[in-house]
Amino acid sequence: MRYKLTFVVGLALGYVLGTKAGRERYEQLKKSARQVAQNPAVRNSAETAAQQGRQFAGKAYHVVSDKVGDRVPDSVAQRVRSLRDRNANGAADDDWGSSNT
């Protein structure tokens, strides 16, 4: 019960302090976040990290497939083949709406 009461008090305190900051502070934070996200250095770093992640995932796939071998269910193997074929055919966009640019 004590923890629930502490949580409720913390929640109420956060709400009151948040509403006092108001819409103006929210807009300032939003503008700052947008500026950081549009910074070319940040965008380049994010793309580099994404490319390294894709490379690591590709290497991990080969290691796992060598260890797992034929024990993968056919439905999973078919899905992996279809994704690999789609990517090999030059599909630039993934299912998440992002691209490899």
C-alpha atoms as a PDB file:
ATOM      1  CA  MET A   1       0.000   0.000   0.000  1.00  0.00           C
ATOM      2  CA  ARG A   2       2.846   2.355   0.825  1.00  0.00           C
ATOM      3  CA  TYR A   3       4.332   1.937  -2.657  1.00  0.00           C
ATOM      4  CA  LYS A   4       1.005   2.593  -4.333  1.00  0.00           C
ATOM      5  CA  LEU A   5       0.592   5.768  -2.322  1.00  0.00           C
ATOM      6  CA  THR A   6       4.138   6.876  -3.214  1.00  0.00           C
ATOM      7  CA  PHE A   7       3.426   6.198  -6.889  1.00  0.00           C
ATOM      8  CA  VAL A   8       0.171   8.178  -6.838  1.00  0.00           C
ATOM      9  CA  VAL A   9       1.839  11.112  -5.065  1.00  0.00           C
ATOM     10  CA  GLY A  10       4.693  11.065  -7.590  1.00  0.00           C
ATOM     11  CA  LEU A  11       2.232  10.911 -10.459  1.00  0.00           C
ATOM     12  CA  ALA A  12       0.257  13.861  -9.099  1.00  0.00           C
ATOM     13  CA  LEU A  13       3.434  15.869  -8.512  1.00  0.00           C
ATOM     14  CA  GLY A  14       4.648  15.151 -12.051  1.00  0.00           C
ATOM     15  CA  TYR A  15       1.293  16.193 -13.469  1.00  0.00           C
ATOM     16  CA  VAL A  16       1.251  19.470 -11.560  1.00  0.00           C
ATOM     17  CA  LEU A  17       4.828  20.335 -12.492  1.00  0.00           C
ATOM     18  CA  GLY A  18       4.187  19.331 -16.109  1.00  0.00           C
ATOM     19  CA  THR A  19       1.135  21.509 -16.433  1.00  0.00           C
ATOM     20  CA  LYS A  20       2.975  24.460 -14.912  1.00  0.00           C
ATOM     21  CA  ALA A  21       5.646  24.152 -17.592  1.00  0.00           C
ATOM     22  CA  GLY A  22       2.836  24.454 -20.093  1.00  0.00           C
ATOM     23  CA  ARG A  23       2.577  24.352 -23.820  1.00  0.00           C
ATOM     24  CA  GLU A  24       5.396  26.833 -24.401  1.00  0.00           C
ATOM     25  CA  ARG A  25       8.011  24.537 -22.856  1.00  0.00           C
ATOM     26  CA  TYR A  26       6.609  21.597 -24.804  1.00  0.00           C
ATOM     27  CA  GLU A  27       7.013  23.537 -28.047  1.00  0.00           C
ATOM     28  CA  GLN A  28      10.587  24.472 -27.100  1.00  0.00           C
ATOM     29  CA  LEU A  29      11.473  20.841 -26.456  1.00  0.00           C
ATOM     30  CA  LYS A  30       9.815  19.780 -29.705  1.00  0.00           C
ATOM     31  CA  LYS A  31      11.736  22.414 -31.685  1.00  0.00           C
ATOM     32  CA  SER A  32      15.036  21.362 -30.094  1.00  0.00           C
ATOM     33  CA  ALA A  33      14.391  17.699 -30.843  1.00  0.00           C
ATOM     34  CA  ARG A  34      13.558  18.519 -34.465  1.00  0.00           C
ATOM     35  CA  GLN A  35      16.765  20.545 -34.851  1.00  0.00           C
ATOM     36  CA  VAL A  36      18.850  17.699 -33.453  1.00  0.00           C
ATOM     37  CA  ALA A  37      17.136  15.157 -35.711  1.00  0.00           C
ATOM     38  CA  GLN A  38      17.722  17.318 -38.794  1.00  0.00           C
ATOM     39  CA  ASN A  39      21.392  17.926 -38.007  1.00  0.00           C
ATOM     40  CA  PRO A  40      23.490  16.331 -40.795  1.00  0.00           C
ATOM     41  CA  ALA A  41      26.028  14.930 -38.319  1.00  0.00           C
ATOM     42  CA  VAL A  42      23.280  13.199 -36.352  1.00  0.00           C
ATOM     43  CA  ARG A  43      21.670  11.855 -39.527  1.00  0.00           C
ATOM     44  CA  ASN A  44      25.027  10.515 -40.790  1.00  0.00           C
ATOM     45  CA  SER A  45      25.720   8.871 -37.443  1.00  0.00           C
ATOM     46  CA  ALA A  46      22.295   7.267 -37.389  1.00  0.00           C
ATOM     47  CA  GLU A  47      22.725   5.938 -40.925  1.00  0.00           C
ATOM     48  CA  THR A  48      26.173   4.580 -40.113  1.00  0.00           C
ATOM     49  CA  ALA A  49      24.764   2.820 -37.061  1.00  0.00           C
ATOM     50  CA  ALA A  50      21.927   1.384 -39.157  1.00  0.00           C
ATOM     51  CA  GLN A  51      24.344   0.074 -41.784  1.00  0.00           C
ATOM     52  CA  GLN A  52      26.555  -1.507 -39.138  1.00  0.00           C
ATOM     53  CA  GLY A  53      23.483  -3.089 -37.588  1.00  0.00           C
ATOM     54  CA  ARG A  54      22.453  -4.559 -40.945  1.00  0.00           C
ATOM     55  CA  GLN A  55      25.975  -5.922 -41.468  1.00  0.00           C
ATOM     56  CA  PHE A  56      26.026  -7.434 -37.991  1.00  0.00           C
ATOM     57  CA  ALA A  57      22.585  -8.972 -38.533  1.00  0.00           C
ATOM     58  CA  GLY A  58      23.764 -10.505 -41.806  1.00  0.00           C
ATOM     59  CA  LYS A  59      26.810 -12.040 -40.135  1.00  0.00           C
ATOM     60  CA  ALA A  60      24.706 -13.274 -37.229  1.00  0.00           C
ATOM     61  CA  TYR A  61      22.239 -14.818 -39.668  1.00  0.00           C
ATOM     62  CA  HIS A  62      24.984 -16.897 -41.263  1.00  0.00           C
ATOM     63  CA  VAL A  63      26.351 -18.044 -37.901  1.00  0.00           C
ATOM     64  CA  VAL A  64      22.898 -19.008 -36.644  1.00  0.00           C
ATOM     65  CA  SER A  65      21.879 -20.723 -39.883  1.00  0.00           C
ATOM     66  CA  ASP A  66      25.086 -22.802 -39.801  1.00  0.00           C
ATOM     67  CA  LYS A  67      24.321 -23.917 -36.250  1.00  0.00           C
ATOM     68  CA  VAL A  68      20.592 -24.453 -36.714  1.00  0.00           C
ATOM     69  CA  GLY A  69      20.794 -26.080 -40.128  1.00  0.00           C
ATOM     70  CA  ASP A  70      17.694 -27.953 -41.240  1.00  0.00           C
ATOM     71  CA  ARG A  71      15.914 -27.658 -37.891  1.00  0.00           C
ATOM     72  CA  VAL A  72      14.113 -24.479 -38.957  1.00  0.00           C
ATOM     73  CA  PRO A  73      10.408 -24.963 -39.762  1.00  0.00           C
ATOM     74  CA  ASP A  74       9.576 -24.720 -43.464  1.00  0.00           C
ATOM     75  CA  SER A  75       7.341 -21.672 -42.955  1.00  0.00           C
ATOM     76  CA  VAL A  76      10.191 -19.712 -41.398  1.00  0.00           C
ATOM     77  CA  ALA A  77      12.664 -20.823 -44.052  1.00  0.00           C
ATOM     78  CA  GLN A  78      10.276 -19.744 -46.817  1.00  0.00           C
ATOM     79  CA  ARG A  79       9.782 -16.338 -45.233  1.00  0.00           C
ATOM     80  CA  VAL A  80      13.545 -15.812 -44.928  1.00  0.00           C
ATOM     81  CA  ARG A  81      14.052 -16.849 -48.555  1.00  0.00           C
ATOM     82  CA  SER A  82      11.345 -14.463 -49.735  1.00  0.00           C
ATOM     83  CA  LEU A  83      12.876 -11.571 -47.778  1.00  0.00           C
ATOM     84  CA  ARG A  84      16.336 -12.379 -49.089  1.00  0.00           C
ATOM     85  CA  ASP A  85      15.043 -12.540 -52.677  1.00  0.00           C
ATOM     86  CA  ARG A  86      13.164  -9.282 -52.293  1.00  0.00           C
ATOM     87  CA  ASN A  87      16.259  -7.509 -50.962  1.00  0.00           C
ATOM     88  CA  ALA A  88      18.426  -9.025 -53.703  1.00  0.00           C
ATOM     89  CA  ASN A  89      16.053  -7.622 -56.333  1.00  0.00           C
ATOM     90  CA  GLY A  90      16.875  -4.080 -55.219  1.00  0.00           C
ATOM     91  CA  ALA A  91      13.911  -3.223 -53.018  1.00  0.00           C
ATOM     92  CA  ALA A  92      14.946   0.083 -51.452  1.00  0.00           C
ATOM     93  CA  ASP A  93      12.140   0.345 -48.900  1.00  0.00           C
ATOM     94  CA  ASP A  94      11.529  -2.016 -46.044  1.00  0.00           C
ATOM     95  CA  ASP A  95       8.227  -2.781 -44.337  1.00  0.00           C
ATOM     96  CA  TRP A  96       8.789   0.049 -41.858  1.00  0.00           C
ATOM     97  CA  GLY A  97       8.691   2.831 -44.407  1.00  0.00           C
ATOM     98  CA  SER A  98      12.351   3.683 -44.118  1.00  0.00           C
ATOM     99  CA  SER A  99      14.972   3.336 -46.804  1.00  0.00           C
ATOM    100  CA  ASN A 100      18.653   2.526 -47.106  1.00  0.00           C
ATOM    101  CA  THR A 101      19.593   6.015 -48.218  1.00  0.00           C
END
